[in-house]
Amino acid sequence: MSGKLKVSIDRKGCINCRQCWNTCPEFFEQNQKDTYSQIISKYRIENNPGEGEAPAKLGEKIRKAADLCQARIIHIYVTAS
């Protein structure tokens, strides 16, 4: 699959289960101030910690992180390249 993945996180629904940033630290991290999951700055859209775009090569790990998220707050959409 080519293109990029658009990812959104409902940050306020985060329960800090650590699954996303442990599974895919190349894309997700814990915010040190509010402790919620966020997208690392490199991949953020308009500096929004809850929205990002990742290359397809991270797709498998991002999908795994979303599947492991106990709160089901990570949403993935495929965009054109």
Protein backbone atom coordinates (compact mmCIF):
# COMPACT_ATOMS: atom_id res chain seq x y z
CA MET A 1 0.00 0.00 0.00
CA SER A 2 1.46 3.35 -1.00
CA GLY A 3 0.73 6.76 0.37
CA LYS A 4 0.69 8.04 3.89
CA LEU A 5 -1.32 7.22 6.92
CA LYS A 6 -3.23 9.97 8.66
CA VAL A 7 -3.54 9.19 12.35
CA SER A 8 -5.69 10.87 14.95
CA ILE A 9 -5.66 10.34 18.70
CA ASP A 10 -8.54 11.24 21.02
CA ARG A 11 -6.00 12.39 23.60
CA LYS A 12 -8.52 13.10 26.36
CA GLY A 13 -9.67 9.48 26.16
CA CYS A 14 -6.12 8.22 26.75
CA ILE A 15 -5.77 5.96 29.80
CA ASN A 16 -1.95 5.83 29.69
CA CYS A 17 -1.82 2.12 28.94
CA ARG A 18 1.55 2.76 27.18
CA GLN A 19 0.74 0.38 24.33
CA CYS A 20 1.16 2.91 21.53
CA TRP A 21 4.48 4.41 22.52
CA ASN A 22 5.90 1.04 23.57
CA THR A 23 4.81 -0.55 20.27
CA CYS A 24 5.76 2.28 17.92
CA PRO A 25 8.05 4.83 19.60
CA GLU A 26 8.99 6.13 16.15
CA PHE A 27 5.53 7.73 15.99
CA PHE A 28 3.94 7.89 19.45
CA GLU A 29 5.17 9.27 22.78
CA GLN A 30 3.82 10.28 26.16
CA ASN A 31 3.27 13.98 26.75
CA GLN A 32 5.31 14.88 29.83
CA LYS A 33 2.86 17.55 31.02
CA ASP A 34 -0.55 15.92 30.72
CA THR A 35 0.66 12.27 30.42
CA TYR A 36 -1.60 11.54 27.42
CA SER A 37 -0.37 9.86 24.28
CA GLN A 38 0.72 12.13 21.47
CA ILE A 39 2.31 11.97 18.04
CA ILE A 40 5.98 12.93 17.95
CA SER A 41 6.58 16.42 16.56
CA LYS A 42 8.22 15.16 13.34
CA TYR A 43 4.91 13.72 12.11
CA ARG A 44 2.35 16.19 13.52
CA ILE A 45 -0.06 18.07 11.31
CA GLU A 46 0.03 21.80 12.11
CA ASN A 47 1.82 21.01 15.39
CA ASN A 48 -1.30 19.27 16.73
CA PRO A 49 -0.17 16.47 19.09
CA GLY A 50 -3.36 14.53 18.29
CA GLU A 51 -3.06 14.52 14.49
CA GLY A 52 -0.27 13.25 12.32
CA GLU A 53 0.81 11.79 9.05
CA ALA A 54 3.23 8.88 8.84
CA PRO A 55 4.97 7.17 5.97
CA ALA A 56 3.51 3.84 4.92
CA LYS A 57 6.64 2.04 6.16
CA LEU A 58 5.43 2.64 9.75
CA GLY A 59 1.94 1.44 8.93
CA GLU A 60 2.23 -2.05 10.37
CA LYS A 61 3.57 -0.84 13.71
CA ILE A 62 1.03 1.98 13.92
CA ARG A 63 -1.82 -0.42 13.19
CA LYS A 64 -0.52 -2.81 15.83
CA ALA A 65 -0.35 0.05 18.35
CA ALA A 66 -3.94 1.04 17.51
CA ASP A 67 -5.10 -2.57 17.89
CA LEU A 68 -3.38 -2.84 21.28
CA CYS A 69 -4.79 0.46 22.57
CA GLN A 70 -7.14 -0.49 25.39
CA ALA A 71 -9.13 2.74 25.09
CA ARG A 72 -9.51 2.50 21.28
CA ILE A 73 -8.59 6.17 20.79
CA ILE A 74 -6.23 5.81 17.79
CA HIS A 75 -7.84 6.17 14.36
CA ILE A 76 -6.02 5.53 11.06
CA TYR A 77 -6.90 6.75 7.56
CA VAL A 78 -4.99 6.17 4.31
CA THR A 79 -4.33 9.30 2.23
CA ALA A 80 -2.99 9.66 -1.29
CA SER A 81 0.77 10.07 -1.59
